[in-house]
Amino acid sequence: MRGIGEMARDGGLSVSALRFYDRAGVLAPAWVDPVSGYRWYEPGQLDEARLLARLRRAGMPLADIRLVLAGWAGRDTDLVRGLLQAHLRRLDLGLSAARGEFSTLRALLDHRETDPMTSLRTATATVRLSVPAPELAAALDAVRFAAGTDAELPMLGGILFDVEADELRLVATDRYRMAVAAVRTTGHDGPRTQVTVALPLADAMRALLTGQESVQLGVDGDRVTLESGDRQTSGRSIGHEFPDYRRLVHLPAGRRVRVGTAAFRRALEAGPVRAGETREPGGEPYDLSVLRVAADGTVIVCADGDDDQHHVAVNREFLVHALTAGARDELILELGAPTAPLAIRRPDDERTFSLLMPVRLED
């Protein structure tokens, strides 16, 4: 018999993935210790685990994987071959359709780049404004965790500095979460200006913000500079358009619940989790926390079996990061529909908040 750790190592799956596939009825252990709950697998299940890992990397749905594994165990090679061929046909058709859509999108982009009425251009205005150092430091701390690291999406690998009237908004997103913070400014009376600051430069800026005085933020074309007394840091902005975040933050009102940050974080870290689907092909499943609002207005971390279509599932690690970035003893969780983002807000500052994309639970 193999323990779950040994099975994960030899089968090419993580421990959390094996737990997920057990709960999904795809690959159940041969025996579960009734006291510890530890899972044990028979030697013959190793081939099934390796097959499962390959099928998931190929993007086969779990419903079909169940049939493949059943056919594999019963030596029904015709069934297995048929399911593999059907999935390959779906992939070919999907790729053909995707190529057609991308061809149309490229044509639309070419038109947008050559049409002066619709072209999106990086701002080249010269802007200089004054920002209180503590407020800018707090704003950077509030959004830094949500910045992207995907090399294929360089426009998300930084923090948007959005200057309009007497306010500076900082925004970061990696597609699965978004954080927004606002800072009051003085000295700017020009048009709205946006620039995306790369994370290394944003971190260098944060290191300068150690005092209580105001600092000077300057934008000159694609160069961004922060001056604090006789110290300064500067660098080029990211030369890609940041998504229009304003279209993403206007959400239908959900149910607002005030939580004690430390206690709720402990409940998350010690509470039950479920393994979520991978976000990328071949990636590792991640821990989900499933939340519901009880009758007394408290937020409950749901255990297995406590299922309801109105519960909201989110990446637990992302939620813990958002609670830390909220930097308040109490925060407000705003839960809407299960398909709507979960909002984490400050009771005393509605302009600073985080959004977490919900995760659909596997049927």
Protein backbone atom coordinates (compact mmCIF):
# COMPACT_ATOMS: atom_id res chain seq x y z
CA MET A 1 0.00 0.00 0.00
CA ARG A 2 1.15 3.51 -0.79
CA GLY A 3 0.47 6.48 1.46
CA ILE A 4 -0.94 9.58 -0.18
CA GLY A 5 2.44 11.35 -0.14
CA GLU A 6 4.20 8.47 -1.89
CA MET A 7 1.31 8.11 -4.33
CA ALA A 8 1.48 11.81 -5.16
CA ARG A 9 5.22 11.65 -5.79
CA ASP A 10 5.13 8.52 -7.96
CA GLY A 11 1.89 9.32 -9.76
CA GLY A 12 2.72 12.87 -10.83
CA LEU A 13 -0.09 14.47 -8.83
CA SER A 14 -0.02 16.65 -5.74
CA VAL A 15 -1.47 15.56 -2.41
CA SER A 16 -4.21 18.19 -2.70
CA ALA A 17 -5.02 16.93 -6.20
CA LEU A 18 -5.42 13.37 -4.91
CA ARG A 19 -7.75 14.61 -2.18
CA PHE A 20 -9.75 16.53 -4.80
CA TYR A 21 -10.04 13.52 -7.13
CA ASP A 22 -11.15 11.38 -4.20
CA ARG A 23 -13.96 13.80 -3.33
CA ALA A 24 -14.87 14.09 -7.03
CA GLY A 25 -15.26 10.31 -7.27
CA VAL A 26 -12.49 9.95 -9.85
CA LEU A 27 -9.73 8.14 -7.95
CA ALA A 28 -10.73 6.90 -4.50
CA PRO A 29 -8.11 5.42 -2.16
CA ALA A 30 -8.28 1.71 -1.41
CA TRP A 31 -8.52 2.39 2.33
CA VAL A 32 -8.95 5.41 4.61
CA ASP A 33 -7.81 5.24 8.21
CA PRO A 34 -11.03 5.78 10.23
CA VAL A 35 -9.14 7.58 13.00
CA SER A 36 -6.66 9.82 11.16
CA GLY A 37 -8.43 10.03 7.80
CA TYR A 38 -5.14 9.19 6.07
CA ARG A 39 -5.57 7.77 2.57
CA TRP A 40 -3.85 4.58 1.35
CA TYR A 41 -3.64 3.31 -2.23
CA GLU A 42 -3.08 -0.14 -3.71
CA PRO A 43 -0.07 -0.70 -6.01
CA GLY A 44 -2.33 -1.17 -9.03
CA GLN A 45 -3.73 2.36 -8.60
CA LEU A 46 -0.39 3.91 -9.53
CA ASP A 47 -1.03 3.40 -13.24
CA GLU A 48 -4.47 4.98 -12.83
CA ALA A 49 -2.94 8.02 -11.11
CA ARG A 50 -0.40 8.46 -13.91
CA LEU A 51 -3.13 8.09 -16.51
CA LEU A 52 -5.27 10.63 -14.66
CA ALA A 53 -2.40 13.12 -14.57
CA ARG A 54 -1.90 12.80 -18.35
CA LEU A 55 -5.60 13.17 -19.10
CA ARG A 56 -5.86 16.31 -16.97
CA ARG A 57 -2.83 17.83 -18.68
CA ALA A 58 -4.63 17.16 -21.96
CA GLY A 59 -7.66 19.05 -20.65
CA MET A 60 -10.14 16.16 -20.56
CA PRO A 61 -13.26 16.86 -18.44
CA LEU A 62 -13.64 14.92 -15.21
CA ALA A 63 -16.84 13.23 -16.41
CA ASP A 64 -14.95 11.65 -19.32
CA ILE A 65 -11.96 10.80 -17.13
CA ARG A 66 -14.22 8.76 -14.87
CA LEU A 67 -15.28 6.70 -17.90
CA VAL A 68 -11.71 6.30 -19.14
CA LEU A 69 -10.54 5.04 -15.75
CA ALA A 70 -13.50 2.65 -15.56
CA GLY A 71 -12.67 1.31 -19.02
CA TRP A 72 -9.00 1.09 -18.11
CA ALA A 73 -9.75 -0.91 -14.96
CA GLY A 74 -12.09 -3.22 -16.92
CA ARG A 75 -9.63 -3.57 -19.82
CA ASP A 76 -12.27 -2.18 -22.17
CA THR A 77 -9.78 -0.79 -24.67
CA ASP A 78 -12.46 0.06 -27.24
CA LEU A 79 -14.19 2.36 -24.76
CA VAL A 80 -10.92 4.04 -23.79
CA ARG A 81 -9.83 4.55 -27.40
CA GLY A 82 -13.23 5.94 -28.31
CA LEU A 83 -13.18 8.46 -25.46
CA LEU A 84 -9.63 9.55 -26.29
CA GLN A 85 -10.51 9.99 -29.97
CA ALA A 86 -13.66 11.96 -29.12
CA HIS A 87 -11.70 14.30 -26.86
CA LEU A 88 -9.04 14.79 -29.54
CA ARG A 89 -11.77 15.73 -32.04
CA ARG A 90 -13.17 18.27 -29.57
CA LEU A 91 -9.72 19.77 -29.13
CA ASP A 92 -9.23 20.01 -32.90
CA LEU A 93 -12.63 21.66 -33.38
CA GLY A 94 -12.01 24.04 -30.49
CA LEU A 95 -8.60 25.00 -31.86
CA SER A 96 -10.06 25.63 -35.32
CA ALA A 97 -12.81 27.82 -33.88
CA ALA A 98 -10.30 29.69 -31.70
CA ARG A 99 -8.06 30.35 -34.71
CA GLY A 100 -11.02 31.86 -36.56
CA GLU A 101 -11.93 34.12 -33.64
CA PHE A 102 -8.32 35.24 -33.17
CA SER A 103 -8.03 36.03 -36.87
CA THR A 104 -11.04 38.33 -36.54
CA LEU A 105 -9.63 39.91 -33.39
CA ARG A 106 -6.29 40.61 -35.08
CA ALA A 107 -8.13 42.38 -37.89
CA LEU A 108 -10.05 44.47 -35.36
CA LEU A 109 -6.82 45.34 -33.54
CA ASP A 110 -5.14 46.37 -36.79
CA HIS A 111 -8.07 48.66 -37.52
CA ARG A 112 -8.01 50.08 -34.00
CA GLU A 113 -4.30 50.87 -34.23
CA THR A 114 -4.69 52.71 -37.54
CA ASP A 115 -7.92 54.57 -36.70
CA PRO A 116 -7.03 57.82 -34.85
CA MET A 117 -10.52 58.03 -33.36
CA THR A 118 -10.28 54.73 -31.51
CA SER A 119 -6.57 54.24 -31.00
CA LEU A 120 -5.42 53.80 -27.40
CA ARG A 121 -2.15 55.60 -26.73
CA THR A 122 0.12 55.86 -23.74
CA ALA A 123 -0.10 59.27 -22.14
CA THR A 124 2.88 61.54 -22.88
CA ALA A 125 1.84 64.42 -20.62
CA THR A 126 4.17 65.86 -18.00
CA VAL A 127 2.61 65.63 -14.57
CA ARG A 128 3.92 66.59 -11.15
CA LEU A 129 1.99 66.30 -7.93
CA SER A 130 2.44 66.03 -4.17
CA VAL A 131 1.31 62.97 -2.17
CA PRO A 132 1.42 62.37 1.61
CA ALA A 133 4.07 59.69 2.15
CA PRO A 134 2.10 57.63 4.72
CA GLU A 135 -0.97 57.50 2.48
CA LEU A 136 1.00 56.45 -0.58
CA ALA A 137 2.82 53.78 1.46
CA ALA A 138 -0.50 52.42 2.74
CA ALA A 139 -1.97 52.42 -0.77
CA LEU A 140 0.98 50.48 -2.19
CA ASP A 141 0.70 47.97 0.65
CA ALA A 142 -3.01 47.57 -0.04
CA VAL A 143 -2.66 46.67 -3.74
CA ARG A 144 0.79 45.08 -4.15
CA PHE A 145 -0.42 41.53 -3.40
CA ALA A 146 -2.81 41.50 -6.38
CA ALA A 147 -0.27 42.32 -9.13
CA GLY A 148 0.27 39.71 -11.83
CA THR A 149 3.42 37.72 -12.56
CA ASP A 150 2.44 36.13 -15.90
CA ALA A 151 5.09 36.97 -18.51
CA GLU A 152 2.45 36.56 -21.22
CA LEU A 153 0.48 39.48 -19.73
CA PRO A 154 3.11 42.17 -19.08
CA MET A 155 0.49 44.91 -18.68
CA LEU A 156 -0.59 43.20 -15.43
CA GLY A 157 2.95 42.96 -14.04
CA GLY A 158 2.78 46.34 -12.36
CA ILE A 159 0.59 48.82 -10.54
CA LEU A 160 -1.54 51.34 -12.38
CA PHE A 161 -1.13 54.94 -11.19
CA ASP A 162 -4.32 56.73 -12.26
CA VAL A 163 -4.19 60.49 -11.63
CA GLU A 164 -7.41 62.49 -11.92
CA ALA A 165 -8.19 65.85 -10.31
CA ASP A 166 -6.96 65.70 -6.70
CA GLU A 167 -6.89 61.91 -6.40
CA LEU A 168 -4.37 59.19 -7.22
CA ARG A 169 -5.80 55.68 -7.57
CA LEU A 170 -3.52 52.65 -7.44
CA VAL A 171 -4.81 49.45 -9.08
CA ALA A 172 -3.35 45.95 -9.43
CA THR A 173 -4.84 42.74 -10.83
CA ASP A 174 -3.75 39.30 -11.96
CA ARG A 175 -7.21 38.46 -13.44
CA TYR A 176 -8.20 36.39 -10.40
CA ARG A 177 -8.11 39.26 -7.91
CA MET A 178 -8.03 43.04 -8.01
CA ALA A 179 -7.07 45.66 -5.45
CA VAL A 180 -7.82 49.39 -5.58
CA ALA A 181 -6.62 52.16 -3.25
CA ALA A 182 -6.98 55.94 -3.43
CA VAL A 183 -4.72 58.73 -2.18
CA ARG A 184 -5.39 62.46 -1.98
CA THR A 185 -2.99 64.68 -3.93
CA THR A 186 -2.22 68.35 -4.50
CA GLY A 187 -0.66 70.27 -7.34
CA HIS A 188 -2.30 68.53 -10.30
CA ASP A 189 -4.95 70.36 -12.28
CA GLY A 190 -4.45 68.79 -15.71
CA PRO A 191 -6.22 66.00 -17.58
CA ARG A 192 -6.48 62.46 -16.34
CA THR A 193 -3.17 60.62 -16.66
CA GLN A 194 -2.47 56.90 -16.37
CA VAL A 195 0.85 55.11 -16.14
CA THR A 196 1.68 51.53 -15.15
CA VAL A 197 4.62 51.25 -12.76
CA ALA A 198 6.59 48.00 -12.90
CA LEU A 199 6.76 46.09 -9.62
CA PRO A 200 10.52 46.60 -9.03
CA LEU A 201 10.04 50.37 -9.35
CA ALA A 202 6.92 50.27 -7.17
CA ASP A 203 8.89 48.40 -4.50
CA ALA A 204 11.70 50.95 -4.73
CA MET A 205 9.13 53.71 -4.25
CA ARG A 206 7.73 51.97 -1.21
CA ALA A 207 11.22 51.83 0.34
CA LEU A 208 11.47 55.64 0.17
CA LEU A 209 8.20 56.21 2.03
CA THR A 210 9.54 56.15 5.57
CA GLY A 211 8.69 59.64 6.80
CA GLN A 212 5.60 61.72 7.47
CA GLU A 213 6.28 64.41 4.88
CA SER A 214 4.82 64.68 1.41
CA VAL A 215 6.66 63.26 -1.58
CA GLN A 216 6.71 64.41 -5.19
CA LEU A 217 5.49 62.12 -7.94
CA GLY A 218 6.41 63.03 -11.49
CA VAL A 219 5.42 61.55 -14.85
CA ASP A 220 7.27 62.73 -17.94
CA GLY A 221 6.31 60.68 -20.96
CA ASP A 222 7.10 57.09 -20.06
CA ARG A 223 9.38 57.98 -17.15
CA VAL A 224 8.08 57.94 -13.56
CA THR A 225 9.95 59.56 -10.67
CA LEU A 226 9.32 59.68 -6.92
CA GLU A 227 11.26 62.21 -4.83
CA SER A 228 11.42 62.13 -1.04
CA GLY A 229 13.62 64.90 0.32
CA ASP A 230 17.06 64.46 -1.22
CA ARG A 231 16.34 60.86 -2.27
CA GLN A 232 14.63 59.71 -5.42
CA THR A 233 13.91 56.67 -7.54
CA SER A 234 12.80 56.58 -11.16
CA GLY A 235 12.31 54.26 -14.07
CA ARG A 236 10.35 53.64 -17.23
CA SER A 237 6.73 52.70 -17.09
CA ILE A 238 5.36 49.51 -18.63
CA GLY A 239 4.58 50.27 -22.26
CA HIS A 240 1.27 48.40 -22.38
CA GLU A 241 -2.28 49.54 -21.78
CA PHE A 242 -3.71 48.55 -18.40
CA PRO A 243 -7.29 47.15 -18.50
CA ASP A 244 -10.14 49.59 -17.87
CA TYR A 245 -10.60 48.65 -14.23
CA ARG A 246 -13.58 51.00 -13.79
CA ARG A 247 -15.72 48.61 -15.80
CA LEU A 248 -14.89 45.82 -13.35
CA VAL A 249 -15.53 47.44 -9.98
CA HIS A 250 -19.15 48.54 -10.37
CA LEU A 251 -20.85 45.48 -8.88
CA PRO A 252 -24.42 44.81 -7.81
CA ALA A 253 -24.72 45.34 -4.07
CA GLY A 254 -24.23 42.18 -2.05
CA ARG A 255 -24.79 41.32 1.59
CA ARG A 256 -22.29 43.15 3.81
CA VAL A 257 -20.93 41.42 6.90
CA ARG A 258 -18.43 42.93 9.33
CA VAL A 259 -15.75 40.47 10.51
CA GLY A 260 -12.94 40.64 13.02
CA THR A 261 -9.90 40.26 10.77
CA ALA A 262 -7.67 38.20 13.08
CA ALA A 263 -10.43 35.81 14.17
CA PHE A 264 -11.72 35.31 10.64
CA ARG A 265 -8.20 34.67 9.37
CA ARG A 266 -7.70 32.01 12.03
CA ALA A 267 -11.00 30.42 11.03
CA LEU A 268 -9.85 30.28 7.42
CA GLU A 269 -6.42 28.85 8.20
CA ALA A 270 -7.77 26.19 10.56
CA GLY A 271 -11.05 25.55 8.77
CA PRO A 272 -12.01 23.01 6.13
CA VAL A 273 -10.86 23.45 2.54
CA ARG A 274 -11.67 21.87 -0.77
CA ALA A 275 -9.32 21.40 -3.70
CA GLY A 276 -10.12 23.76 -6.53
CA GLU A 277 -9.58 23.11 -10.21
CA THR A 278 -6.28 24.24 -11.70
CA ARG A 279 -6.23 27.66 -13.36
CA GLU A 280 -3.70 26.58 -15.99
CA PRO A 281 -3.29 23.29 -17.92
CA GLY A 282 -1.09 20.97 -15.91
CA GLY A 283 -1.17 23.29 -12.91
CA GLU A 284 -1.74 22.30 -9.31
CA PRO A 285 -5.17 22.45 -7.68
CA TYR A 286 -5.40 25.02 -4.90
CA ASP A 287 -7.27 25.19 -1.61
CA LEU A 288 -10.75 26.68 -1.67
CA SER A 289 -12.68 28.14 1.23
CA VAL A 290 -16.44 27.95 0.79
CA LEU A 291 -18.29 30.74 2.60
CA ARG A 292 -21.87 31.34 3.63
CA VAL A 293 -23.63 33.93 5.76
CA ALA A 294 -25.38 32.41 8.78
CA ALA A 295 -28.73 33.57 10.11
CA ASP A 296 -27.02 35.61 12.83
CA GLY A 297 -24.98 37.53 10.26
CA THR A 298 -21.65 35.73 10.78
CA VAL A 299 -19.56 34.29 7.94
CA ILE A 300 -19.15 30.51 8.15
CA VAL A 301 -16.36 28.50 6.49
CA CYS A 302 -18.32 25.52 5.17
CA ALA A 303 -17.29 21.91 5.66
CA ASP A 304 -17.69 19.14 3.08
CA GLY A 305 -21.34 18.28 2.73
CA ASP A 306 -22.47 21.81 3.57
CA ASP A 307 -23.38 22.61 -0.02
CA ASP A 308 -25.76 25.18 -1.39
CA GLN A 309 -26.01 27.03 -4.67
CA HIS A 310 -25.74 30.36 -2.82
CA HIS A 311 -22.39 29.63 -1.14
CA VAL A 312 -19.34 31.49 -2.43
CA ALA A 313 -16.07 29.63 -3.06
CA VAL A 314 -12.77 31.54 -3.25
CA ASN A 315 -9.06 30.78 -3.28
CA ARG A 316 -8.16 30.61 0.42
CA GLU A 317 -4.61 31.93 -0.04
CA PHE A 318 -5.90 34.93 -1.99
CA LEU A 319 -8.48 35.70 0.69
CA VAL A 320 -5.85 35.55 3.45
CA HIS A 321 -3.65 37.95 1.44
CA ALA A 322 -6.58 40.33 0.98
CA LEU A 323 -7.33 40.31 4.71
CA THR A 324 -3.69 41.16 5.46
CA ALA A 325 -3.66 43.94 2.86
CA GLY A 326 -6.88 45.35 4.34
CA ALA A 327 -4.79 46.46 7.34
CA ARG A 328 -7.74 46.92 9.70
CA ASP A 329 -8.87 45.13 12.86
CA GLU A 330 -12.29 44.83 11.27
CA LEU A 331 -13.18 44.51 7.60
CA ILE A 332 -16.39 44.22 5.61
CA LEU A 333 -17.00 41.20 3.41
CA GLU A 334 -19.52 41.81 0.66
CA LEU A 335 -20.95 38.56 -0.71
CA GLY A 336 -23.23 38.64 -3.72
CA ALA A 337 -24.19 35.83 -6.06
CA PRO A 338 -21.86 32.79 -6.22
CA THR A 339 -20.72 34.02 -9.64
CA ALA A 340 -20.02 37.58 -8.43
CA PRO A 341 -16.66 38.70 -7.02
CA LEU A 342 -16.21 38.73 -3.25
CA ALA A 343 -15.39 42.25 -2.06
CA ILE A 344 -13.21 42.99 0.98
CA ARG A 345 -13.72 46.58 2.13
CA ARG A 346 -12.49 48.83 4.92
CA PRO A 347 -15.21 50.23 7.22
CA ASP A 348 -13.57 53.68 7.24
CA ASP A 349 -12.41 53.91 3.62
CA GLU A 350 -14.72 52.89 0.78
CA ARG A 351 -12.12 53.90 -1.81
CA THR A 352 -9.73 51.08 -0.82
CA PHE A 353 -10.94 47.54 -1.45
CA SER A 354 -10.10 44.14 -2.94
CA LEU A 355 -12.08 41.88 -5.22
CA LEU A 356 -11.64 38.11 -5.47
CA MET A 357 -13.04 36.17 -8.40
CA PRO A 358 -15.27 33.28 -7.25
CA VAL A 359 -14.47 29.69 -8.14
CA ARG A 360 -17.09 27.33 -9.49
CA LEU A 361 -17.30 24.17 -7.43
CA GLU A 362 -16.96 20.93 -9.39
CA ASP A 363 -20.28 19.09 -9.66
